[in-house]
PDB file of N, CA and C in Angstrom:
ATOM      1  N   MET A   1     -10.129  19.705 -11.727  1.00  0.00           N
ATOM      2  CA  MET A   1     -10.395  19.936 -10.332  1.00  0.00           C
ATOM      3  C   MET A   1      -9.365  20.879  -9.730  1.00  0.00           C
ATOM      4  N   ALA A   2      -8.085  20.683 -10.111  1.00  0.00           N
ATOM      5  CA  ALA A   2      -7.045  21.568  -9.592  1.00  0.00           C
ATOM      6  C   ALA A   2      -7.180  22.966 -10.165  1.00  0.00           C
ATOM      7  N   ALA A   3      -7.631  23.055 -11.413  1.00  0.00           N
ATOM      8  CA  ALA A   3      -7.823  24.375 -12.028  1.00  0.00           C
ATOM      9  C   ALA A   3      -8.937  25.130 -11.326  1.00  0.00           C
ATOM     10  N   GLN A   4      -9.970  24.413 -10.917  1.00  0.00           N
ATOM     11  CA  GLN A   4     -11.068  25.052 -10.203  1.00  0.00           C
ATOM     12  C   GLN A   4     -10.582  25.567  -8.853  1.00  0.00           C
ATOM     13  N   GLY A   5      -9.711  24.811  -8.172  1.00  0.00           N
ATOM     14  CA  GLY A   5      -9.153  25.273  -6.905  1.00  0.00           C
ATOM     15  C   GLY A   5      -8.320  26.522  -7.091  1.00  0.00           C
ATOM     16  N   GLY A   6      -7.567  26.611  -8.203  1.00  0.00           N
ATOM     17  CA  GLY A   6      -6.787  27.803  -8.494  1.00  0.00           C
ATOM     18  C   GLY A   6      -7.667  29.009  -8.751  1.00  0.00           C
ATOM     19  N   ILE A   7      -8.787  28.783  -9.444  1.00  0.00           N
ATOM     20  CA  ILE A   7      -9.716  29.877  -9.716  1.00  0.00           C
ATOM     21  C   ILE A   7     -10.348  30.365  -8.415  1.00  0.00           C
ATOM     22  N   LEU A   8     -10.714  29.419  -7.551  1.00  0.00           N
ATOM     23  CA  LEU A   8     -11.306  29.804  -6.266  1.00  0.00           C
ATOM     24  C   LEU A   8     -10.304  30.589  -5.425  1.00  0.00           C
ATOM     25  N   PHE A   9      -9.046  30.191  -5.476  1.00  0.00           N
ATOM     26  CA  PHE A   9      -8.012  30.901  -4.721  1.00  0.00           C
ATOM     27  C   PHE A   9      -7.837  32.322  -5.257  1.00  0.00           C
ATOM     28  N   GLN A  10      -7.816  32.458  -6.576  1.00  0.00           N
ATOM     29  CA  GLN A  10      -7.674  33.789  -7.172  1.00  0.00           C
ATOM     30  C   GLN A  10      -8.859  34.681  -6.827  1.00  0.00           C
ATOM     31  N   GLU A  11     -10.068  34.104  -6.814  1.00  0.00           N
ATOM     32  CA  GLU A  11     -11.245  34.885  -6.440  1.00  0.00           C
ATOM     33  C   GLU A  11     -11.161  35.348  -4.988  1.00  0.00           C
ATOM     34  N   LYS A  12     -10.680  34.469  -4.117  1.00  0.00           N
ATOM     35  CA  LYS A  12     -10.555  34.825  -2.703  1.00  0.00           C
ATOM     36  C   LYS A  12      -9.540  35.939  -2.507  1.00  0.00           C
ATOM     37  N   VAL A  13      -8.400  35.849  -3.197  1.00  0.00           N
ATOM     38  CA  VAL A  13      -7.374  36.884  -3.088  1.00  0.00           C
ATOM     39  C   VAL A  13      -7.890  38.201  -3.634  1.00  0.00           C
ATOM     40  N   SER A  14      -8.576  38.173  -4.755  1.00  0.00           N
ATOM     41  CA  SER A  14      -9.107  39.424  -5.318  1.00  0.00           C
ATOM     42  C   SER A  14     -10.174  40.025  -4.415  1.00  0.00           C
ATOM     43  N   ARG A  15     -10.959  39.175  -3.751  1.00  0.00           N
ATOM     44  CA  ARG A  15     -11.957  39.672  -2.819  1.00  0.00           C
ATOM     45  C   ARG A  15     -11.295  40.326  -1.604  1.00  0.00           C
ATOM     46  N   LEU A  16     -10.195  39.732  -1.120  1.00  0.00           N
ATOM     47  CA  LEU A  16      -9.480  40.313   0.014  1.00  0.00           C
ATOM     48  C   LEU A  16      -8.778  41.611  -0.356  1.00  0.00           C
ATOM     49  N   LEU A  17      -8.350  41.724  -1.610  1.00  0.00           N
ATOM     50  CA  LEU A  17      -7.672  42.943  -2.049  1.00  0.00           C
ATOM     51  C   LEU A  17      -8.646  44.040  -2.448  1.00  0.00           C
ATOM     52  N   SER A  18      -9.912  43.690  -2.642  1.00  0.00           N
ATOM     53  CA  SER A  18     -10.879  44.702  -3.080  1.00  0.00           C
ATOM     54  C   SER A  18     -11.182  45.660  -1.927  1.00  0.00           C
ATOM     55  N   ARG A  19     -11.655  46.825  -2.292  1.00  0.00           N
ATOM     56  CA  ARG A  19     -11.959  47.828  -1.269  1.00  0.00           C
ATOM     57  C   ARG A  19     -13.323  47.523  -0.644  1.00  0.00           C
ATOM     58  N   GLN A  20     -13.309  47.501   0.654  1.00  0.00           N
ATOM     59  CA  GLN A  20     -14.533  47.265   1.393  1.00  0.00           C
ATOM     60  C   GLN A  20     -14.582  48.305   2.514  1.00  0.00           C
ATOM     61  N   ASP A  21     -15.649  49.020   2.631  1.00  0.00           N
ATOM     62  CA  ASP A  21     -15.790  50.111   3.602  1.00  0.00           C
ATOM     63  C   ASP A  21     -14.774  51.219   3.357  1.00  0.00           C
ATOM     64  N   GLY A  22     -14.389  51.439   2.111  1.00  0.00           N
ATOM     65  CA  GLY A  22     -13.511  52.538   1.761  1.00  0.00           C
ATOM     66  C   GLY A  22     -12.031  52.280   1.953  1.00  0.00           C
ATOM     67  N   ARG A  23     -11.640  51.126   2.443  1.00  0.00           N
ATOM     68  CA  ARG A  23     -10.210  50.831   2.608  1.00  0.00           C
ATOM     69  C   ARG A  23      -9.959  49.368   2.248  1.00  0.00           C
ATOM     70  N   PRO A  24      -8.755  49.049   1.805  1.00  0.00           N
ATOM     71  CA  PRO A  24      -8.496  47.660   1.426  1.00  0.00           C
ATOM     72  C   PRO A  24      -8.464  46.756   2.660  1.00  0.00           C
ATOM     73  N   VAL A  25      -8.984  45.543   2.487  1.00  0.00           N
ATOM     74  CA  VAL A  25      -9.001  44.589   3.585  1.00  0.00           C
ATOM     75  C   VAL A  25      -7.596  44.036   3.812  1.00  0.00           C
ATOM     76  N   LEU A  26      -6.914  43.742   2.749  1.00  0.00           N
ATOM     77  CA  LEU A  26      -5.577  43.168   2.833  1.00  0.00           C
ATOM     78  C   LEU A  26      -4.635  44.026   1.998  1.00  0.00           C
ATOM     79  N   LYS A  27      -3.619  44.563   2.636  1.00  0.00           N
ATOM     80  CA  LYS A  27      -2.658  45.383   1.923  1.00  0.00           C
ATOM     81  C   LYS A  27      -1.285  44.724   2.041  1.00  0.00           C
ATOM     82  N   PRO A  28      -0.875  43.981   1.030  1.00  0.00           N
ATOM     83  CA  PRO A  28       0.413  43.281   1.125  1.00  0.00           C
ATOM     84  C   PRO A  28       1.578  44.259   1.003  1.00  0.00           C
ATOM     85  N   ASN A  29       2.619  44.021   1.783  1.00  0.00           N
ATOM     86  CA  ASN A  29       3.799  44.871   1.701  1.00  0.00           C
ATOM     87  C   ASN A  29       4.821  44.333   0.696  1.00  0.00           C
ATOM     88  N   ARG A  30       4.607  43.122   0.203  1.00  0.00           N
ATOM     89  CA  ARG A  30       5.443  42.531  -0.839  1.00  0.00           C
ATOM     90  C   ARG A  30       4.532  41.955  -1.909  1.00  0.00           C
ATOM     91  N   THR A  31       5.127  41.578  -3.022  1.00  0.00           N
ATOM     92  CA  THR A  31       4.327  40.968  -4.077  1.00  0.00           C
ATOM     93  C   THR A  31       3.830  39.607  -3.615  1.00  0.00           C
ATOM     94  N   LEU A  32       2.649  39.247  -4.050  1.00  0.00           N
ATOM     95  CA  LEU A  32       2.066  37.965  -3.669  1.00  0.00           C
ATOM     96  C   LEU A  32       2.524  36.869  -4.632  1.00  0.00           C
ATOM     97  N   ALA A  33       3.818  36.615  -4.629  1.00  0.00           N
ATOM     98  CA  ALA A  33       4.406  35.565  -5.457  1.00  0.00           C
ATOM     99  C   ALA A  33       5.439  34.835  -4.628  1.00  0.00           C
ATOM    100  N   LEU A  34       5.579  33.545  -4.868  1.00  0.00           N
ATOM    101  CA  LEU A  34       6.550  32.761  -4.118  1.00  0.00           C
ATOM    102  C   LEU A  34       7.966  33.089  -4.560  1.00  0.00           C
ATOM    103  N   ARG A  35       8.915  32.985  -3.629  1.00  0.00           N
ATOM    104  CA  ARG A  35      10.310  33.213  -3.968  1.00  0.00           C
ATOM    105  C   ARG A  35      10.887  31.977  -4.642  1.00  0.00           C
ATOM    106  N   ASP A  36      12.062  32.141  -5.239  1.00  0.00           N
ATOM    107  CA  ASP A  36      12.723  31.027  -5.897  1.00  0.00           C
ATOM    108  C   ASP A  36      13.749  30.354  -4.993  1.00  0.00           C
ATOM    109  N   ALA A  37      13.650  30.568  -3.681  1.00  0.00           N
ATOM    110  CA  ALA A  37      14.576  29.955  -2.735  1.00  0.00           C
ATOM    111  C   ALA A  37      13.838  29.674  -1.434  1.00  0.00           C
ATOM    112  N   VAL A  38      14.375  28.742  -0.675  1.00  0.00           N
ATOM    113  CA  VAL A  38      13.812  28.349   0.613  1.00  0.00           C
ATOM    114  C   VAL A  38      14.840  28.667   1.677  1.00  0.00           C
ATOM    115  N   ALA A  39      14.399  29.061   2.866  1.00  0.00           N
ATOM    116  CA  ALA A  39      15.320  29.338   3.960  1.00  0.00           C
ATOM    117  C   ALA A  39      16.091  28.069   4.295  1.00  0.00           C
ATOM    118  N   ASN A  40      17.388  28.202   4.475  1.00  0.00           N
ATOM    119  CA  ASN A  40      18.246  27.051   4.728  1.00  0.00           C
ATOM    120  C   ASN A  40      18.245  26.743   6.224  1.00  0.00           C
ATOM    121  N   ARG A  41      17.285  25.953   6.649  1.00  0.00           N
ATOM    122  CA  ARG A  41      17.164  25.582   8.057  1.00  0.00           C
ATOM    123  C   ARG A  41      17.531  24.123   8.234  1.00  0.00           C
ATOM    124  N   LYS A  42      18.008  23.806   9.423  1.00  0.00           N
ATOM    125  CA  LYS A  42      18.336  22.417   9.723  1.00  0.00           C
ATOM    126  C   LYS A  42      17.066  21.656  10.054  1.00  0.00           C
ATOM    127  N   LEU A  43      17.022  20.404   9.620  1.00  0.00           N
ATOM    128  CA  LEU A  43      15.873  19.573   9.917  1.00  0.00           C
ATOM    129  C   LEU A  43      15.957  19.097  11.362  1.00  0.00           C
ATOM    130  N   LYS A  44      14.823  18.863  11.964  1.00  0.00           N
ATOM    131  CA  LYS A  44      14.801  18.404  13.349  1.00  0.00           C
ATOM    132  C   LYS A  44      15.319  16.975  13.424  1.00  0.00           C
ATOM    133  N   LYS A  45      16.067  16.718  14.471  1.00  0.00           N
ATOM    134  CA  LYS A  45      16.665  15.399  14.640  1.00  0.00           C
ATOM    135  C   LYS A  45      15.657  14.352  15.092  1.00  0.00           C
ATOM    136  N   GLY A  46      14.643  14.750  15.822  1.00  0.00           N
ATOM    137  CA  GLY A  46      13.694  13.781  16.353  1.00  0.00           C
ATOM    138  C   GLY A  46      13.962  13.559  17.831  1.00  0.00           C
ATOM    139  N   GLU A  47      13.278  12.600  18.378  1.00  0.00           N
ATOM    140  CA  GLU A  47      13.424  12.367  19.806  1.00  0.00           C
ATOM    141  C   GLU A  47      14.574  11.417  20.091  1.00  0.00           C
ATOM    142  N   ALA A  48      15.084  11.481  21.327  1.00  0.00           N
ATOM    143  CA  ALA A  48      16.211  10.642  21.732  1.00  0.00           C
ATOM    144  C   ALA A  48      15.743   9.204  21.920  1.00  0.00           C
ATOM    145  N   THR A  49      16.626   8.278  21.595  1.00  0.00           N
ATOM    146  CA  THR A  49      16.318   6.863  21.763  1.00  0.00           C
ATOM    147  C   THR A  49      17.276   6.257  22.778  1.00  0.00           C
ATOM    148  N   CYS A  50      16.896   5.158  23.369  1.00  0.00           N
ATOM    149  CA  CYS A  50      17.708   4.379  24.307  1.00  0.00           C
ATOM    150  C   CYS A  50      18.084   5.165  25.561  1.00  0.00           C
ATOM    151  N   VAL A  51      17.253   6.075  25.976  1.00  0.00           N
ATOM    152  CA  VAL A  51      17.559   6.881  27.165  1.00  0.00           C
ATOM    153  C   VAL A  51      17.496   6.024  28.424  1.00  0.00           C
ATOM    154  N   THR A  52      16.509   5.136  28.489  1.00  0.00           N
ATOM    155  CA  THR A  52      16.384   4.303  29.694  1.00  0.00           C
ATOM    156  C   THR A  52      17.568   3.355  29.833  1.00  0.00           C
ATOM    157  N   GLU A  53      18.014   2.759  28.719  1.00  0.00           N
ATOM    158  CA  GLU A  53      19.166   1.859  28.774  1.00  0.00           C
ATOM    159  C   GLU A  53      20.426   2.606  29.187  1.00  0.00           C
ATOM    160  N   MET A  54      20.563   3.835  28.684  1.00  0.00           N
ATOM    161  CA  MET A  54      21.731   4.637  29.044  1.00  0.00           C
ATOM    162  C   MET A  54      21.703   5.003  30.526  1.00  0.00           C
ATOM    163  N   SER A  55      20.527   5.340  31.054  1.00  0.00           N
ATOM    164  CA  SER A  55      20.454   5.696  32.466  1.00  0.00           C
ATOM    165  C   SER A  55      20.712   4.489  33.362  1.00  0.00           C
ATOM    166  N   VAL A  56      20.244   3.300  32.954  1.00  0.00           N
ATOM    167  CA  VAL A  56      20.527   2.082  33.719  1.00  0.00           C
ATOM    168  C   VAL A  56      22.017   1.794  33.716  1.00  0.00           C
ATOM    169  N   LEU A  57      22.662   1.978  32.568  1.00  0.00           N
ATOM    170  CA  LEU A  57      24.107   1.757  32.464  1.00  0.00           C
ATOM    171  C   LEU A  57      24.874   2.734  33.348  1.00  0.00           C
ATOM    172  N   MET A  58      24.492   4.008  33.326  1.00  0.00           N
ATOM    173  CA  MET A  58      25.198   4.990  34.148  1.00  0.00           C
ATOM    174  C   MET A  58      24.973   4.745  35.643  1.00  0.00           C
ATOM    175  N   ALA A  59      23.765   4.299  36.011  1.00  0.00           N
ATOM    176  CA  ALA A  59      23.511   3.972  37.421  1.00  0.00           C
ATOM    177  C   ALA A  59      24.364   2.796  37.862  1.00  0.00           C
ATOM    178  N   CYS A  60      24.516   1.815  36.983  1.00  0.00           N
ATOM    179  CA  CYS A  60      25.370   0.662  37.297  1.00  0.00           C
ATOM    180  C   CYS A  60      26.821   1.086  37.460  1.00  0.00           C
ATOM    181  N   TRP A  61      27.288   1.940  36.557  1.00  0.00           N
ATOM    182  CA  TRP A  61      28.660   2.448  36.689  1.00  0.00           C
ATOM    183  C   TRP A  61      28.860   3.183  38.011  1.00  0.00           C
ATOM    184  N   LYS A  62      27.901   4.002  38.393  1.00  0.00           N
ATOM    185  CA  LYS A  62      28.026   4.779  39.620  1.00  0.00           C
ATOM    186  C   LYS A  62      28.054   3.865  40.846  1.00  0.00           C
ATOM    187  N   GLN A  63      27.233   2.808  40.835  1.00  0.00           N
ATOM    188  CA  GLN A  63      27.202   1.886  41.973  1.00  0.00           C
ATOM    189  C   GLN A  63      28.490   1.084  42.088  1.00  0.00           C
ATOM    190  N   ASN A  64      29.137   0.818  40.950  1.00  0.00           N
ATOM    191  CA  ASN A  64      30.325  -0.052  40.945  1.00  0.00           C
ATOM    192  C   ASN A  64      31.619   0.704  40.678  1.00  0.00           C
ATOM    193  N   ASN A  65      31.640   1.991  40.986  1.00  0.00           N
ATOM    194  CA  ASN A  65      32.845   2.819  40.839  1.00  0.00           C
ATOM    195  C   ASN A  65      33.409   2.799  39.420  1.00  0.00           C
ATOM    196  N   PHE A  66      32.521   2.848  38.439  1.00  0.00           N
ATOM    197  CA  PHE A  66      32.878   2.959  37.013  1.00  0.00           C
ATOM    198  C   PHE A  66      33.768   1.822  36.513  1.00  0.00           C
ATOM    199  N   VAL A  67      33.461   0.608  36.961  1.00  0.00           N
ATOM    200  CA  VAL A  67      34.149  -0.586  36.475  1.00  0.00           C
ATOM    201  C   VAL A  67      33.288  -1.192  35.359  1.00  0.00           C
ATOM    202  N   ASP A  68      33.880  -1.336  34.177  1.00  0.00           N
ATOM    203  CA  ASP A  68      33.112  -1.809  33.024  1.00  0.00           C
ATOM    204  C   ASP A  68      32.738  -3.281  33.113  1.00  0.00           C
ATOM    205  N   GLY A  69      33.593  -4.094  33.695  1.00  0.00           N
ATOM    206  CA  GLY A  69      33.359  -5.541  33.718  1.00  0.00           C
ATOM    207  C   GLY A  69      32.118  -5.936  34.480  1.00  0.00           C
ATOM    208  N   VAL A  70      31.780  -5.211  35.515  1.00  0.00           N
ATOM    209  CA  VAL A  70      30.618  -5.558  36.336  1.00  0.00           C
ATOM    210  C   VAL A  70      29.315  -5.250  35.593  1.00  0.00           C
ATOM    211  N   CYS A  71      29.298  -4.226  34.753  1.00  0.00           N
ATOM    212  CA  CYS A  71      28.081  -3.768  34.062  1.00  0.00           C
ATOM    213  C   CYS A  71      28.023  -4.243  32.612  1.00  0.00           C
ATOM    214  N   SER A  72      28.492  -5.440  32.352  1.00  0.00           N
ATOM    215  CA  SER A  72      28.538  -5.912  30.962  1.00  0.00           C
ATOM    216  C   SER A  72      27.139  -6.149  30.391  1.00  0.00           C
ATOM    217  N   THR A  73      26.205  -6.621  31.207  1.00  0.00           N
ATOM    218  CA  THR A  73      24.847  -6.872  30.680  1.00  0.00           C
ATOM    219  C   THR A  73      24.161  -5.559  30.308  1.00  0.00           C
ATOM    220  N   GLU A  74      24.344  -4.531  31.133  1.00  0.00           N
ATOM    221  CA  GLU A  74      23.753  -3.220  30.833  1.00  0.00           C
ATOM    222  C   GLU A  74      24.393  -2.606  29.586  1.00  0.00           C
ATOM    223  N   THR A  75      25.719  -2.809  29.453  1.00  0.00           N
ATOM    224  CA  THR A  75      26.421  -2.286  28.282  1.00  0.00           C
ATOM    225  C   THR A  75      25.918  -2.957  27.004  1.00  0.00           C
ATOM    226  N   LYS A  76      25.754  -4.286  27.068  1.00  0.00           N
ATOM    227  CA  LYS A  76      25.249  -5.009  25.898  1.00  0.00           C
ATOM    228  C   LYS A  76      23.833  -4.577  25.553  1.00  0.00           C
ATOM    229  N   ALA A  77      23.001  -4.374  26.564  1.00  0.00           N
ATOM    230  CA  ALA A  77      21.629  -3.934  26.319  1.00  0.00           C
ATOM    231  C   ALA A  77      21.611  -2.550  25.662  1.00  0.00           C
ATOM    232  N   PHE A  78      22.472  -1.650  26.144  1.00  0.00           N
ATOM    233  CA  PHE A  78      22.541  -0.309  25.564  1.00  0.00           C
ATOM    234  C   PHE A  78      23.005  -0.355  24.113  1.00  0.00           C
ATOM    235  N   TYR A  79      24.074  -1.106  23.834  1.00  0.00           N
ATOM    236  CA  TYR A  79      24.580  -1.168  22.465  1.00  0.00           C
ATOM    237  C   TYR A  79      23.592  -1.849  21.518  1.00  0.00           C
ATOM    238  N   SER A  80      22.877  -2.853  21.983  1.00  0.00           N
ATOM    239  CA  SER A  80      21.875  -3.495  21.115  1.00  0.00           C
ATOM    240  C   SER A  80      20.726  -2.532  20.821  1.00  0.00           C
ATOM    241  N   CYS A  81      20.358  -1.715  21.818  1.00  0.00           N
ATOM    242  CA  CYS A  81      19.315  -0.714  21.593  1.00  0.00           C
ATOM    243  C   CYS A  81      19.778   0.333  20.588  1.00  0.00           C
ATOM    244  N   VAL A  82      21.032   0.760  20.692  1.00  0.00           N
ATOM    245  CA  VAL A  82      21.572   1.755  19.760  1.00  0.00           C
ATOM    246  C   VAL A  82      21.604   1.194  18.342  1.00  0.00           C
ATOM    247  N   GLU A  83      22.026  -0.067  18.188  1.00  0.00           N
ATOM    248  CA  GLU A  83      22.054  -0.678  16.856  1.00  0.00           C
ATOM    249  C   GLU A  83      20.643  -0.776  16.266  1.00  0.00           C
ATOM    250  N   ALA A  84      19.674  -1.149  17.092  1.00  0.00           N
ATOM    251  CA  ALA A  84      18.301  -1.244  16.605  1.00  0.00           C
ATOM    252  C   ALA A  84      17.772   0.136  16.201  1.00  0.00           C
ATOM    253  N   ALA A  85      18.101   1.166  16.969  1.00  0.00           N
ATOM    254  CA  ALA A  85      17.646   2.519  16.646  1.00  0.00           C
ATOM    255  C   ALA A  85      18.293   3.016  15.353  1.00  0.00           C
ATOM    256  N   GLN A  86      19.589   2.723  15.168  1.00  0.00           N
ATOM    257  CA  GLN A  86      20.262   3.136  13.933  1.00  0.00           C
ATOM    258  C   GLN A  86      19.690   2.411  12.727  1.00  0.00           C
ATOM    259  N   ALA A  87      19.375   1.130  12.870  1.00  0.00           N
ATOM    260  CA  ALA A  87      18.772   0.386  11.768  1.00  0.00           C
ATOM    261  C   ALA A  87      17.388   0.945  11.439  1.00  0.00           C
ATOM    262  N   ALA A  88      16.621   1.317  12.458  1.00  0.00           N
ATOM    263  CA  ALA A  88      15.297   1.892  12.217  1.00  0.00           C
ATOM    264  C   ALA A  88      15.410   3.241  11.519  1.00  0.00           C
ATOM    265  N   MET A  89      16.387   4.074  11.920  1.00  0.00           N
ATOM    266  CA  MET A  89      16.583   5.378  11.272  1.00  0.00           C
ATOM    267  C   MET A  89      16.983   5.200   9.810  1.00  0.00           C
ATOM    268  N   LYS A  90      17.869   4.246   9.534  1.00  0.00           N
ATOM    269  CA  LYS A  90      18.300   4.009   8.159  1.00  0.00           C
ATOM    270  C   LYS A  90      17.133   3.506   7.315  1.00  0.00           C
ATOM    271  N   ASN A  91      16.333   2.623   7.881  1.00  0.00           N
ATOM    272  CA  ASN A  91      15.158   2.103   7.172  1.00  0.00           C
ATOM    273  C   ASN A  91      14.157   3.219   6.907  1.00  0.00           C
ATOM    274  N   LYS A  92      13.962   4.098   7.889  1.00  0.00           N
ATOM    275  CA  LYS A  92      13.030   5.212   7.731  1.00  0.00           C
ATOM    276  C   LYS A  92      13.517   6.193   6.664  1.00  0.00           C
ATOM    277  N   SER A  93      14.827   6.472   6.643  1.00  0.00           N
ATOM    278  CA  SER A  93      15.354   7.395   5.632  1.00  0.00           C
ATOM    279  C   SER A  93      15.241   6.798   4.236  1.00  0.00           C
ATOM    280  N   ASN A  94      15.428   5.495   4.109  1.00  0.00           N
ATOM    281  CA  ASN A  94      15.265   4.851   2.806  1.00  0.00           C
ATOM    282  C   ASN A  94      13.819   4.914   2.346  1.00  0.00           C
ATOM    283  N   LEU A  95      12.875   4.727   3.252  1.00  0.00           N
ATOM    284  CA  LEU A  95      11.463   4.771   2.885  1.00  0.00           C
ATOM    285  C   LEU A  95      11.032   6.172   2.473  1.00  0.00           C
ATOM    286  N   THR A  96      11.486   7.204   3.211  1.00  0.00           N
ATOM    287  CA  THR A  96      11.073   8.563   2.871  1.00  0.00           C
ATOM    288  C   THR A  96      11.696   9.021   1.565  1.00  0.00           C
ATOM    289  N   SER A  97      12.930   8.572   1.268  1.00  0.00           N
ATOM    290  CA  SER A  97      13.545   8.975   0.009  1.00  0.00           C
ATOM    291  C   SER A  97      12.865   8.294  -1.178  1.00  0.00           C
ATOM    292  N   MET A  98      12.328   7.095  -0.977  1.00  0.00           N
ATOM    293  CA  MET A  98      11.661   6.391  -2.070  1.00  0.00           C
ATOM    294  C   MET A  98      10.216   6.858  -2.256  1.00  0.00           C
ATOM    295  N   GLN A  99       9.545   7.237  -1.166  1.00  0.00           N
ATOM    296  CA  GLN A  99       8.139   7.577  -1.256  1.00  0.00           C
ATOM    297  C   GLN A  99       7.882   9.065  -1.425  1.00  0.00           C
ATOM    298  N   GLY A 100       8.862   9.864  -1.394  1.00  0.00           N
ATOM    299  CA  GLY A 100       8.649  11.301  -1.518  1.00  0.00           C
ATOM    300  C   GLY A 100       9.068  11.987  -0.238  1.00  0.00           C
ATOM    301  N   GLY A 101       8.172  12.146   0.696  1.00  0.00           N
ATOM    302  CA  GLY A 101       8.498  12.729   1.985  1.00  0.00           C
ATOM    303  C   GLY A 101       8.830  14.211   1.882  1.00  0.00           C
ATOM    304  N   ARG A 102       9.602  14.699   2.820  1.00  0.00           N
ATOM    305  CA  ARG A 102       9.932  16.111   2.899  1.00  0.00           C
ATOM    306  C   ARG A 102      11.304  16.346   2.292  1.00  0.00           C
ATOM    307  N   LEU A 103      11.412  17.373   1.463  1.00  0.00           N
ATOM    308  CA  LEU A 103      12.684  17.692   0.822  1.00  0.00           C
ATOM    309  C   LEU A 103      13.580  18.482   1.761  1.00  0.00           C
ATOM    310  N   HIS A 104      14.871  18.275   1.608  1.00  0.00           N
ATOM    311  CA  HIS A 104      15.847  19.086   2.323  1.00  0.00           C
ATOM    312  C   HIS A 104      15.802  20.491   1.714  1.00  0.00           C
ATOM    313  N   PRO A 105      16.041  21.547   2.510  1.00  0.00           N
ATOM    314  CA  PRO A 105      15.945  22.904   1.971  1.00  0.00           C
ATOM    315  C   PRO A 105      16.833  23.161   0.754  1.00  0.00           C
ATOM    316  N   LYS A 106      18.022  22.571   0.703  1.00  0.00           N
ATOM    317  CA  LYS A 106      18.894  22.762  -0.465  1.00  0.00           C
ATOM    318  C   LYS A 106      18.276  22.132  -1.716  1.00  0.00           C
ATOM    319  N   GLN A 107      17.664  20.963  -1.552  1.00  0.00           N
ATOM    320  CA  GLN A 107      17.026  20.311  -2.694  1.00  0.00           C
ATOM    321  C   GLN A 107      15.827  21.128  -3.177  1.00  0.00           C
ATOM    322  N   ALA A 108      15.056  21.665  -2.246  1.00  0.00           N
ATOM    323  CA  ALA A 108      13.900  22.476  -2.625  1.00  0.00           C
ATOM    324  C   ALA A 108      14.346  23.745  -3.347  1.00  0.00           C
ATOM    325  N   THR A 109      15.443  24.361  -2.890  1.00  0.00           N
ATOM    326  CA  THR A 109      15.950  25.569  -3.534  1.00  0.00           C
ATOM    327  C   THR A 109      16.420  25.274  -4.950  1.00  0.00           C
ATOM    328  N   THR A 110      17.121  24.155  -5.146  1.00  0.00           N
ATOM    329  CA  THR A 110      17.578  23.821  -6.500  1.00  0.00           C
ATOM    330  C   THR A 110      16.396  23.561  -7.426  1.00  0.00           C
ATOM    331  N   LEU A 111      15.346  22.908  -6.916  1.00  0.00           N
ATOM    332  CA  LEU A 111      14.167  22.681  -7.754  1.00  0.00           C
ATOM    333  C   LEU A 111      13.450  23.985  -8.078  1.00  0.00           C
ATOM    334  N   LEU A 112      13.344  24.876  -7.081  1.00  0.00           N
ATOM    335  CA  LEU A 112      12.680  26.152  -7.332  1.00  0.00           C
ATOM    336  C   LEU A 112      13.474  27.025  -8.297  1.00  0.00           C
ATOM    337  N   LYS A 113      14.793  26.950  -8.258  1.00  0.00           N
ATOM    338  CA  LYS A 113      15.604  27.723  -9.200  1.00  0.00           C
ATOM    339  C   LYS A 113      15.521  27.131 -10.603  1.00  0.00           C
ATOM    340  N   ARG A 114      15.351  25.818 -10.675  1.00  0.00           N
ATOM    341  CA  ARG A 114      15.224  25.178 -11.983  1.00  0.00           C
ATOM    342  C   ARG A 114      13.886  25.526 -12.630  1.00  0.00           C
ATOM    343  N   TYR A 115      12.838  25.628 -11.822  1.00  0.00           N
ATOM    344  CA  TYR A 115      11.505  25.965 -12.298  1.00  0.00           C
ATOM    345  C   TYR A 115      11.046  27.232 -11.578  1.00  0.00           C
ATOM    346  N   PRO A 116      11.482  28.405 -12.032  1.00  0.00           N
ATOM    347  CA  PRO A 116      11.137  29.642 -11.305  1.00  0.00           C
ATOM    348  C   PRO A 116       9.668  30.009 -11.429  1.00  0.00           C
ATOM    349  N   ASN A 117       9.219  30.788 -10.437  1.00  0.00           N
ATOM    350  CA  ASN A 117       7.833  31.241 -10.415  1.00  0.00           C
ATOM    351  C   ASN A 117       7.660  32.487 -11.244  1.00  0.00           C
ATOM    352  N   ILE A 118       6.429  32.720 -11.662  1.00  0.00           N
ATOM    353  CA  ILE A 118       6.110  33.946 -12.389  1.00  0.00           C
ATOM    354  C   ILE A 118       6.097  35.077 -11.387  1.00  0.00           C
ATOM    355  N   ARG A 119       6.756  36.183 -11.704  1.00  0.00           N
ATOM    356  CA  ARG A 119       6.931  37.281 -10.752  1.00  0.00           C
ATOM    357  C   ARG A 119       5.822  38.325 -10.819  1.00  0.00           C
ATOM    358  N   THR A 120       4.615  37.924 -11.134  1.00  0.00           N
ATOM    359  CA  THR A 120       3.508  38.883 -11.160  1.00  0.00           C
ATOM    360  C   THR A 120       2.550  38.576 -10.036  1.00  0.00           C
ATOM    361  N   GLU A 121       1.830  39.579  -9.600  1.00  0.00           N
ATOM    362  CA  GLU A 121       0.869  39.388  -8.536  1.00  0.00           C
ATOM    363  C   GLU A 121      -0.359  38.675  -9.064  1.00  0.00           C
ATOM    364  N   VAL A 122      -1.079  38.063  -8.148  1.00  0.00           N
ATOM    365  CA  VAL A 122      -2.299  37.349  -8.495  1.00  0.00           C
ATOM    366  C   VAL A 122      -3.416  38.335  -8.689  1.00  0.00           C
TER     367      VAL A 122
END
C-alpha cells in the first residue's frame, strides 16, 4: 500500500514537471530531494497556566500594601496551581517521549544524518 502511494506521488510529480502548453507547469529552483538537516527552531512553550490565581494574588497584594501574611490563602492557591501544572507538564512529556510524538530538531537532524536521503531528483 505504501509502495502504491510512492508510485502515485512519482506520477504526480512527473505530470507536474511535464511540458503542458509549451512550458513546464512546475519549474523547481532546487533539487526535489529532502535535506539531511532540519532547521534548529525552538519548540513552542504552550499556553500560560495559573494566570487567574496569579492575578487574584497580585490584586490582594495591591489592596493590602504588599503584605504577604494577609494574602496567605491566595498564595497557597497559586502555588498549588503551579505544582499541579508542573506535574501535568512532566506527565505529558513522559507520555510523548514514550509514545513517539514530535522530535526535537536536534534529534531529527541526527537521525537524518544517520540515514541520509538519496540526492537524485524524482
